[in-house]
C-alpha cells in the first residue's frame, strides 16, 4: 500500500475521532455541571479511546474502497 493511502486512512480515522469527541464535549458542557478540568480530561480520554477503537473498525473497510 502506498504512503499516501496510509495517510488517508489515518486522516479519516483522526477526523472521525475528532467529530465524536466534539459531540462528547458539547454534551458534557451543555448537559452536565462539570468543571472545565473535568471536561478537558474527559475530552482527552474520549479522543484517545475513540481513535484507538476507530482504527481497527474503519481501516479494513476504507482499505477495500481505496484499493479499487
Foldseek 3Di string as FASTA:
>chain_A
DDPVVVVVLLVVLLVVLVVVLVVVLVCCVPPHPDDPVVSVVVSVVSSVVSSVVVNVVPVVVSVVVVVD
